[in-house]
Amino acid sequence: MAVHNDLGKLGEVLAATFLRREGYAILERNWRFQKAEIDIIAQKEEDTIVFVEVKTRNSAFFGDPQSFVTPSKVKLLVKAANEYLISNQLEAEARFDIIAVLKNSKEERMEHFKNAFYHF
């Protein structure tokens, strides 16, 4: 596996650990629908399902990790989240969060952006 894939997987593990510490239940990891993959599907409040995109970088030289969530990625995530809710017959609100992880030998930072984008 490529080094960037290892870094991405590490970021997802760190993000899931963070969410559990914050009181979220992890419902799914790496859930796929067609061309989309939702990194983490979590729940804290009974009426809200949280779809989390994890972006991990080893440097902010080219921009913060969260800035790499493109409009086309958002479109895929919304489509996949809709399918998840329908296929699981869930009558819950959807919220889309981003967890940005910056991890290298000198620093480890994580930021949780709740309601990072809207699906309207």
C-alpha atoms as a PDB file:
ATOM      1  CA  MET A   1       0.000   0.000   0.000  1.00  0.00           C
ATOM      2  CA  ALA A   2       1.250   3.479  -0.835  1.00  0.00           C
ATOM      3  CA  VAL A   3       2.497   5.728   1.970  1.00  0.00           C
ATOM      4  CA  HIS A   4      -0.308   8.254   1.351  1.00  0.00           C
ATOM      5  CA  ASN A   5      -2.861   5.436   1.760  1.00  0.00           C
ATOM      6  CA  ASP A   6      -1.244   4.474   5.078  1.00  0.00           C
ATOM      7  CA  LEU A   7      -1.449   8.089   6.219  1.00  0.00           C
ATOM      8  CA  GLY A   8      -5.112   8.265   5.206  1.00  0.00           C
ATOM      9  CA  LYS A   9      -5.955   5.082   7.103  1.00  0.00           C
ATOM     10  CA  LEU A  10      -4.096   6.378  10.168  1.00  0.00           C
ATOM     11  CA  GLY A  11      -6.091   9.612   9.941  1.00  0.00           C
ATOM     12  CA  GLU A  12      -9.341   7.637   9.878  1.00  0.00           C
ATOM     13  CA  VAL A  13      -8.306   5.644  12.951  1.00  0.00           C
ATOM     14  CA  LEU A  14      -7.399   8.858  14.796  1.00  0.00           C
ATOM     15  CA  ALA A  15     -10.701  10.463  13.745  1.00  0.00           C
ATOM     16  CA  ALA A  16     -12.771   7.457  14.870  1.00  0.00           C
ATOM     17  CA  THR A  17     -10.962   7.424  18.214  1.00  0.00           C
ATOM     18  CA  PHE A  18     -11.616  11.144  18.610  1.00  0.00           C
ATOM     19  CA  LEU A  19     -15.315  10.740  17.808  1.00  0.00           C
ATOM     20  CA  ARG A  20     -15.719   7.895  20.316  1.00  0.00           C
ATOM     21  CA  ARG A  21     -14.049  10.042  22.984  1.00  0.00           C
ATOM     22  CA  GLU A  22     -16.549  12.801  22.156  1.00  0.00           C
ATOM     23  CA  GLY A  23     -19.467  10.421  22.754  1.00  0.00           C
ATOM     24  CA  TYR A  24     -20.270   9.348  19.192  1.00  0.00           C
ATOM     25  CA  ALA A  25     -21.160   5.786  18.296  1.00  0.00           C
ATOM     26  CA  ILE A  26     -19.417   4.631  15.130  1.00  0.00           C
ATOM     27  CA  LEU A  27     -22.043   2.972  12.931  1.00  0.00           C
ATOM     28  CA  GLU A  28     -19.912   2.283   9.847  1.00  0.00           C
ATOM     29  CA  ARG A  29     -16.413   2.817   8.522  1.00  0.00           C
ATOM     30  CA  ASN A  30     -15.523   3.053   4.837  1.00  0.00           C
ATOM     31  CA  TRP A  31     -19.131   2.576   3.702  1.00  0.00           C
ATOM     32  CA  ARG A  32     -19.387   2.424  -0.077  1.00  0.00           C
ATOM     33  CA  PHE A  33     -22.111   3.200  -2.577  1.00  0.00           C
ATOM     34  CA  GLN A  34     -21.285   3.222  -6.287  1.00  0.00           C
ATOM     35  CA  LYS A  35     -18.234   5.520  -6.664  1.00  0.00           C
ATOM     36  CA  ALA A  36     -18.548   7.104  -3.223  1.00  0.00           C
ATOM     37  CA  GLU A  37     -17.024   6.107   0.079  1.00  0.00           C
ATOM     38  CA  ILE A  38     -18.057   7.609   3.386  1.00  0.00           C
ATOM     39  CA  ASP A  39     -15.120   7.407   5.779  1.00  0.00           C
ATOM     40  CA  ILE A  40     -17.134   7.329   9.002  1.00  0.00           C
ATOM     41  CA  ILE A  41     -20.846   7.203   9.749  1.00  0.00           C
ATOM     42  CA  ALA A  42     -21.525   8.116  13.364  1.00  0.00           C
ATOM     43  CA  GLN A  43     -24.309   9.083  15.708  1.00  0.00           C
ATOM     44  CA  LYS A  44     -24.456  11.079  18.918  1.00  0.00           C
ATOM     45  CA  GLU A  45     -27.998  12.441  19.007  1.00  0.00           C
ATOM     46  CA  GLU A  46     -30.801  10.000  18.317  1.00  0.00           C
ATOM     47  CA  ASP A  47     -32.291  12.031  15.467  1.00  0.00           C
ATOM     48  CA  THR A  48     -29.070  12.826  13.552  1.00  0.00           C
ATOM     49  CA  ILE A  49     -26.733  10.636  11.518  1.00  0.00           C
ATOM     50  CA  VAL A  50     -23.317  12.208  10.993  1.00  0.00           C
ATOM     51  CA  PHE A  51     -21.442  11.490   7.779  1.00  0.00           C
ATOM     52  CA  VAL A  52     -17.769  12.262   8.276  1.00  0.00           C
ATOM     53  CA  GLU A  53     -15.165  12.898   5.605  1.00  0.00           C
ATOM     54  CA  VAL A  54     -11.641  12.537   6.998  1.00  0.00           C
ATOM     55  CA  LYS A  55      -8.868  14.437   5.254  1.00  0.00           C
ATOM     56  CA  THR A  56      -5.332  13.697   6.364  1.00  0.00           C
ATOM     57  CA  ARG A  57      -2.183  15.471   5.243  1.00  0.00           C
ATOM     58  CA  ASN A  58       1.402  15.470   6.483  1.00  0.00           C
ATOM     59  CA  SER A  59       1.836  19.159   5.654  1.00  0.00           C
ATOM     60  CA  ALA A  60      -0.321  22.250   5.253  1.00  0.00           C
ATOM     61  CA  PHE A  61       2.048  23.612   2.598  1.00  0.00           C
ATOM     62  CA  PHE A  62      -0.531  23.204  -0.179  1.00  0.00           C
ATOM     63  CA  GLY A  63      -3.501  24.129   2.030  1.00  0.00           C
ATOM     64  CA  ASP A  64      -5.398  22.899   5.039  1.00  0.00           C
ATOM     65  CA  PRO A  65      -6.685  19.312   4.774  1.00  0.00           C
ATOM     66  CA  GLN A  66     -10.349  20.393   4.800  1.00  0.00           C
ATOM     67  CA  SER A  67      -9.811  22.525   1.696  1.00  0.00           C
ATOM     68  CA  PHE A  68      -9.345  19.322  -0.325  1.00  0.00           C
ATOM     69  CA  VAL A  69     -13.029  18.377  -0.078  1.00  0.00           C
ATOM     70  CA  THR A  70     -14.130  19.306  -3.581  1.00  0.00           C
ATOM     71  CA  PRO A  71     -17.662  20.048  -4.830  1.00  0.00           C
ATOM     72  CA  SER A  72     -17.644  16.754  -6.762  1.00  0.00           C
ATOM     73  CA  LYS A  73     -16.684  14.896  -3.566  1.00  0.00           C
ATOM     74  CA  VAL A  74     -19.531  16.631  -1.720  1.00  0.00           C
ATOM     75  CA  LYS A  75     -21.962  15.523  -4.423  1.00  0.00           C
ATOM     76  CA  LEU A  76     -20.816  11.898  -4.113  1.00  0.00           C
ATOM     77  CA  LEU A  77     -21.020  11.997  -0.312  1.00  0.00           C
ATOM     78  CA  VAL A  78     -24.556  13.396  -0.370  1.00  0.00           C
ATOM     79  CA  LYS A  79     -25.669  10.724  -2.832  1.00  0.00           C
ATOM     80  CA  ALA A  80     -24.130   7.951  -0.724  1.00  0.00           C
ATOM     81  CA  ALA A  81     -25.557   9.364   2.517  1.00  0.00           C
ATOM     82  CA  ASN A  82     -29.018   9.476   0.980  1.00  0.00           C
ATOM     83  CA  GLU A  83     -28.688   5.826  -0.034  1.00  0.00           C
ATOM     84  CA  TYR A  84     -27.477   4.872   3.452  1.00  0.00           C
ATOM     85  CA  LEU A  85     -30.516   6.499   5.069  1.00  0.00           C
ATOM     86  CA  ILE A  86     -32.939   4.912   2.594  1.00  0.00           C
ATOM     87  CA  SER A  87     -31.418   1.420   2.631  1.00  0.00           C
ATOM     88  CA  ASN A  88     -31.370   1.389   6.439  1.00  0.00           C
ATOM     89  CA  GLN A  89     -34.877   2.887   6.650  1.00  0.00           C
ATOM     90  CA  LEU A  90     -33.675   5.674   8.918  1.00  0.00           C
ATOM     91  CA  GLU A  91     -35.882   8.692   9.579  1.00  0.00           C
ATOM     92  CA  ALA A  92     -33.039  10.893  10.784  1.00  0.00           C
ATOM     93  CA  GLU A  93     -31.452  14.187   9.853  1.00  0.00           C
ATOM     94  CA  ALA A  94     -28.161  14.023   7.962  1.00  0.00           C
ATOM     95  CA  ARG A  95     -25.206  16.119   9.012  1.00  0.00           C
ATOM     96  CA  PHE A  96     -21.947  16.321   7.101  1.00  0.00           C
ATOM     97  CA  ASP A  97     -18.749  16.879   9.061  1.00  0.00           C
ATOM     98  CA  ILE A  98     -15.105  17.038   8.086  1.00  0.00           C
ATOM     99  CA  ILE A  99     -12.299  15.958  10.358  1.00  0.00           C
ATOM    100  CA  ALA A 100      -9.008  17.451   9.202  1.00  0.00           C
ATOM    101  CA  VAL A 101      -5.890  15.665  10.425  1.00  0.00           C
ATOM    102  CA  LEU A 102      -2.389  17.064  10.087  1.00  0.00           C
ATOM    103  CA  LYS A 103       0.115  14.385  11.094  1.00  0.00           C
ATOM    104  CA  ASN A 104       3.860  14.257  10.675  1.00  0.00           C
ATOM    105  CA  SER A 105       6.905  13.544  12.834  1.00  0.00           C
ATOM    106  CA  LYS A 106       6.717  16.963  14.505  1.00  0.00           C
ATOM    107  CA  GLU A 107       3.002  17.576  14.976  1.00  0.00           C
ATOM    108  CA  GLU A 108      -0.403  16.002  15.183  1.00  0.00           C
ATOM    109  CA  ARG A 109      -3.422  18.289  14.863  1.00  0.00           C
ATOM    110  CA  MET A 110      -7.052  17.471  14.417  1.00  0.00           C
ATOM    111  CA  GLU A 111      -9.970  19.802  13.733  1.00  0.00           C
ATOM    112  CA  HIS A 112     -13.623  18.772  13.689  1.00  0.00           C
ATOM    113  CA  PHE A 113     -15.800  20.872  11.400  1.00  0.00           C
ATOM    114  CA  LYS A 114     -19.438  20.196  12.219  1.00  0.00           C
ATOM    115  CA  ASN A 115     -21.963  20.997   9.495  1.00  0.00           C
ATOM    116  CA  ALA A 116     -19.036  21.477   7.118  1.00  0.00           C
ATOM    117  CA  PHE A 117     -21.362  21.606   4.127  1.00  0.00           C
ATOM    118  CA  TYR A 118     -25.064  21.394   3.455  1.00  0.00           C
ATOM    119  CA  HIS A 119     -26.818  18.956   1.195  1.00  0.00           C
ATOM    120  CA  PHE A 120     -29.409  21.335  -0.270  1.00  0.00           C
END
